[in-house]
Protein backbone atom coordinates (compact mmCIF):
# COMPACT_ATOMS: atom_id res chain seq x y z
CA UNK A 1 0.00 0.00 0.00
CA UNK A 2 1.48 3.32 -1.04
CA UNK A 3 1.28 5.85 1.75
CA UNK A 4 -0.59 9.08 0.95
CA UNK A 5 1.43 12.27 0.75
CA UNK A 6 -0.27 13.70 3.85
CA UNK A 7 1.24 11.06 6.14
CA UNK A 8 3.53 12.79 8.62
CA UNK A 9 5.33 9.47 9.14
CA UNK A 10 4.81 5.89 8.06
CA UNK A 11 2.94 3.70 10.57
CA UNK A 12 5.41 2.24 13.04
CA UNK A 13 5.14 -1.47 13.87
CA UNK A 14 5.33 -2.21 17.58
CA UNK A 15 6.79 -5.11 19.53
CA UNK A 16 5.05 -8.21 20.87
CA UNK A 17 6.40 -10.16 23.84
CA UNK A 18 7.70 -13.57 22.70
CA UNK A 19 5.27 -15.51 24.89
CA UNK A 20 2.33 -13.71 23.25
CA UNK A 21 3.74 -14.06 19.75
CA UNK A 22 4.03 -17.80 20.32
CA UNK A 23 0.54 -18.18 21.75
CA UNK A 24 -1.20 -15.84 19.29
CA UNK A 25 0.50 -15.91 15.88
CA UNK A 26 -0.43 -12.79 13.95
CA UNK A 27 -0.96 -10.62 17.03
CA UNK A 28 0.53 -7.19 16.39
CA UNK A 29 0.34 -3.48 17.00
CA UNK A 30 1.09 -0.46 14.83
CA UNK A 31 0.84 3.26 15.47
CA UNK A 32 1.21 6.66 13.92
CA UNK A 33 1.42 10.13 15.44
CA UNK A 34 -1.05 12.85 14.51
CA UNK A 35 -0.15 16.45 15.35
CA UNK A 36 -3.36 17.30 17.20
CA UNK A 37 -5.45 16.27 20.18
CA UNK A 38 -9.19 16.00 20.66
CA UNK A 39 -11.95 18.53 21.31
CA UNK A 40 -15.18 19.43 19.55
CA UNK A 41 -15.30 18.12 16.01
CA UNK A 42 -15.29 20.70 13.20
CA UNK A 43 -18.24 20.89 10.80
CA UNK A 44 -16.45 18.90 8.11
CA UNK A 45 -15.86 15.96 10.43
CA UNK A 46 -19.42 16.02 11.77
CA UNK A 47 -20.72 16.02 8.19
CA UNK A 48 -18.52 13.05 7.33
CA UNK A 49 -19.98 11.21 10.31
CA UNK A 50 -23.53 12.00 9.16
CA UNK A 51 -22.75 10.69 5.68
CA UNK A 52 -21.40 7.48 7.19
CA UNK A 53 -24.58 7.13 9.27
CA UNK A 54 -26.67 7.41 6.12
CA UNK A 55 -24.66 4.67 4.44
CA UNK A 56 -24.65 2.28 7.40
CA UNK A 57 -28.02 0.61 8.01
CA UNK A 58 -29.34 -2.29 10.06
CA UNK A 59 -28.53 -4.80 7.35
CA UNK A 60 -24.88 -3.75 7.49
CA UNK A 61 -24.81 -4.31 11.25
CA UNK A 62 -26.34 -7.77 10.87
CA UNK A 63 -23.82 -8.83 8.24
CA UNK A 64 -20.86 -7.16 9.97
CA UNK A 65 -19.64 -10.09 12.05
CA UNK A 66 -19.51 -12.30 8.96
CA UNK A 67 -16.83 -10.14 7.35
CA UNK A 68 -13.30 -11.58 7.72
CA UNK A 69 -11.75 -8.82 9.86
CA UNK A 70 -14.62 -8.43 12.37
CA UNK A 71 -14.77 -12.23 12.58
CA UNK A 72 -11.05 -12.37 13.42
CA UNK A 73 -11.66 -10.15 16.46
CA UNK A 74 -14.56 -12.35 17.59
CA UNK A 75 -12.33 -15.42 17.41
CA UNK A 76 -9.55 -13.66 19.35
CA UNK A 77 -11.97 -12.48 22.04
CA UNK A 78 -13.00 -16.08 22.67
CA UNK A 79 -9.34 -17.14 22.82
CA UNK A 80 -8.65 -14.64 25.62
CA UNK A 81 -11.77 -15.55 27.59
CA UNK A 82 -14.17 -12.83 26.42
CA UNK A 83 -17.62 -13.64 25.05
CA UNK A 84 -18.02 -11.34 22.02
CA UNK A 85 -21.79 -11.52 22.42
CA UNK A 86 -21.43 -9.97 25.88
CA UNK A 87 -18.23 -7.92 25.57
CA UNK A 88 -18.53 -6.53 22.06
CA UNK A 89 -15.60 -6.27 19.72
CA UNK A 90 -14.75 -2.63 18.87
CA UNK A 91 -16.41 -2.59 15.45
CA UNK A 92 -19.53 -4.38 16.69
CA UNK A 93 -19.84 -1.95 19.62
CA UNK A 94 -19.64 1.02 17.24
CA UNK A 95 -22.30 -0.56 15.02
CA UNK A 96 -24.53 -1.29 18.03
CA UNK A 97 -24.21 2.31 19.19
CA UNK A 98 -25.27 3.51 15.74
CA UNK A 99 -28.40 1.33 15.83
CA UNK A 100 -29.22 2.44 19.39
CA UNK A 101 -28.67 6.15 18.76
CA UNK A 102 -30.14 6.27 15.27
CA UNK A 103 -26.85 7.50 13.85
CA UNK A 104 -23.20 7.95 14.65
CA UNK A 105 -23.22 10.71 17.25
CA UNK A 106 -20.37 13.19 17.29
CA UNK A 107 -18.38 12.85 20.51
CA UNK A 108 -15.22 14.77 19.65
CA UNK A 109 -12.39 14.76 17.14
CA UNK A 110 -10.66 11.60 18.34
CA UNK A 111 -13.82 9.63 19.04
CA UNK A 112 -15.33 10.54 15.66
CA UNK A 113 -12.11 9.70 13.82
CA UNK A 114 -11.94 6.30 15.50
CA UNK A 115 -15.61 5.64 14.69
CA UNK A 116 -15.03 6.40 11.01
CA UNK A 117 -11.85 4.35 10.77
CA UNK A 118 -13.30 1.41 12.70
CA UNK A 119 -16.47 1.14 10.63
CA UNK A 120 -14.67 1.62 7.32
CA UNK A 121 -11.85 -0.86 8.04
CA UNK A 122 -13.14 -3.16 10.80
CA UNK A 123 -9.84 -2.71 12.67
CA UNK A 124 -9.68 -2.04 16.41
CA UNK A 125 -8.15 1.34 17.27
CA UNK A 126 -7.21 3.19 20.42
CA UNK A 127 -5.11 6.28 21.16
CA UNK A 128 -2.74 7.84 23.69
CA UNK A 129 -1.21 11.23 24.30
CA UNK A 130 2.02 10.77 22.35
CA UNK A 131 4.00 13.10 24.63
CA UNK A 132 3.25 10.84 27.60
CA UNK A 133 4.85 7.78 25.99
CA UNK A 134 8.40 6.50 26.16
CA UNK A 135 9.74 4.55 23.22
CA UNK A 136 7.89 2.17 20.97
CA UNK A 137 4.54 0.64 21.81
CA UNK A 138 4.04 -3.07 22.26
CA UNK A 139 1.98 -5.86 23.75
CA UNK A 140 2.91 -7.91 26.81
CA UNK A 141 1.41 -9.71 29.79
CA UNK A 142 0.91 -7.82 33.03
CA UNK A 143 3.30 -8.85 35.77
CA UNK A 144 2.21 -10.05 39.27
CA UNK A 145 0.97 -7.12 41.34
CA UNK A 146 1.35 -4.63 38.50
CA UNK A 147 -0.79 -1.49 38.79
CA UNK A 148 -1.83 1.13 36.29
CA UNK A 149 -1.04 4.76 37.00
CA UNK A 150 -3.90 6.32 38.98
CA UNK A 151 -5.53 2.98 39.86
CA UNK A 152 -5.22 1.48 43.33
CA UNK A 153 -5.91 -2.19 42.74
CA UNK A 154 -3.51 -4.53 40.99
CA UNK A 155 -4.59 -5.73 37.56
CA UNK A 156 -5.13 -9.46 36.93
CA UNK A 157 -1.84 -11.25 36.31
CA UNK A 158 -1.47 -12.57 32.78
CA UNK A 159 -3.77 -9.95 31.23
CA UNK A 160 -2.61 -8.66 27.85
CA UNK A 161 -1.62 -5.00 28.04
CA UNK A 162 -0.57 -2.28 25.66
CA UNK A 163 2.72 -0.89 26.96
CA UNK A 164 5.54 1.40 26.02
CA UNK A 165 9.15 0.66 26.92
CA UNK A 166 8.73 1.77 30.54
CA UNK A 167 5.20 0.91 31.74
CA UNK A 168 1.83 -0.61 30.90
CA UNK A 169 -0.67 1.85 29.41
CA UNK A 170 -3.93 -0.02 28.99
CA UNK A 171 -5.52 -3.44 29.09
CA UNK A 172 -5.97 -4.65 25.54
CA UNK A 173 -9.56 -3.69 24.61
CA UNK A 174 -10.04 -2.42 28.17
CA UNK A 175 -9.17 0.13 30.85
CA UNK A 176 -6.49 2.76 30.34
CA UNK A 177 -4.01 4.14 32.85
CA UNK A 178 -4.55 7.71 33.99
CA UNK A 179 -2.44 10.44 32.46
CA UNK A 180 -2.04 8.92 29.00
CA UNK A 181 -5.48 9.74 27.61
CA UNK A 182 -5.96 12.12 24.69
CA UNK A 183 -7.63 15.39 25.71
CA UNK A 184 -7.97 19.03 24.82
CA UNK A 185 -4.43 19.75 26.02
CA UNK A 186 -2.94 16.96 23.93
CA UNK A 187 -0.62 18.29 21.24
CA UNK A 188 0.19 14.98 19.56
CA UNK A 189 -1.92 11.84 19.43
CA UNK A 190 -0.51 8.34 19.07
CA UNK A 191 -3.17 6.51 17.08
CA UNK A 192 -2.86 2.76 17.60
CA UNK A 193 -4.19 -0.23 15.61
CA UNK A 194 -4.34 -3.81 16.90
CA UNK A 195 -3.63 -6.60 14.45
CA UNK A 196 -4.55 -10.29 14.71
CA UNK A 197 -4.36 -13.42 12.65
CA UNK A 198 -6.76 -12.75 9.78
CA UNK A 199 -6.20 -8.98 9.90
CA UNK A 200 -3.59 -8.11 7.24
CA UNK A 201 -0.99 -5.41 7.78
CA UNK A 202 -2.48 -3.37 4.95
CA UNK A 203 -5.75 -3.18 6.93
CA UNK A 204 -3.87 -1.70 9.90
CA UNK A 205 -2.26 0.89 7.62
CA UNK A 206 -5.64 1.75 6.10
CA UNK A 207 -7.26 2.12 9.53
CA UNK A 208 -4.49 4.40 10.77
CA UNK A 209 -4.66 6.50 7.61
CA UNK A 210 -8.46 6.80 7.88
CA UNK A 211 -8.23 7.83 11.52
CA UNK A 212 -5.37 10.27 11.01
CA UNK A 213 -6.96 11.93 7.99
CA UNK A 214 -10.26 12.32 9.86
CA UNK A 215 -8.50 13.95 12.80
CA UNK A 216 -6.81 16.42 10.47
CA UNK A 217 -10.17 17.44 9.04
């Protein structure tokens, strides 16, 4: 996939702890940095969200889980002990919210960008304040007694976490540590895509490009 000219930098592949790479072949993470934070979405982004709402109907939501990429996340959820019919995969949760709300509601620059990229690509995305990170991002298991910044209780040992080279940042598809969230004061956003077996690298690149271009709108 040729990268568009507006990319500030090519998506950067992250690291995966060997024990995870062995247990879950194809598990991966990639990120790119966007030179902005969140806040109220501009008119152009809200209009793009409305257009997407008009194109995404109930039939699309019903057929969604049968597509290869959404199905890959359902399979992975079951492998890590999550029931995807109870704890929805990211793309299915976005689709469910659209059906419940009658449209994709604007919730801010970052949230809207992730909604657009997730629905268009099927890929799971998250984001961090890039200036709060140290080194490359990766995936590893939480260590015994490990705690997230700002949270008192220890997280369950053996849980898969997104981490940088100094600390854990978030449970994969779950809670985030305090102080790394994207907000109005964020100057640079690290947009992150999670890859799995059945989710090709080109899909991660597309998702990151969709999200980054929407944020720049």
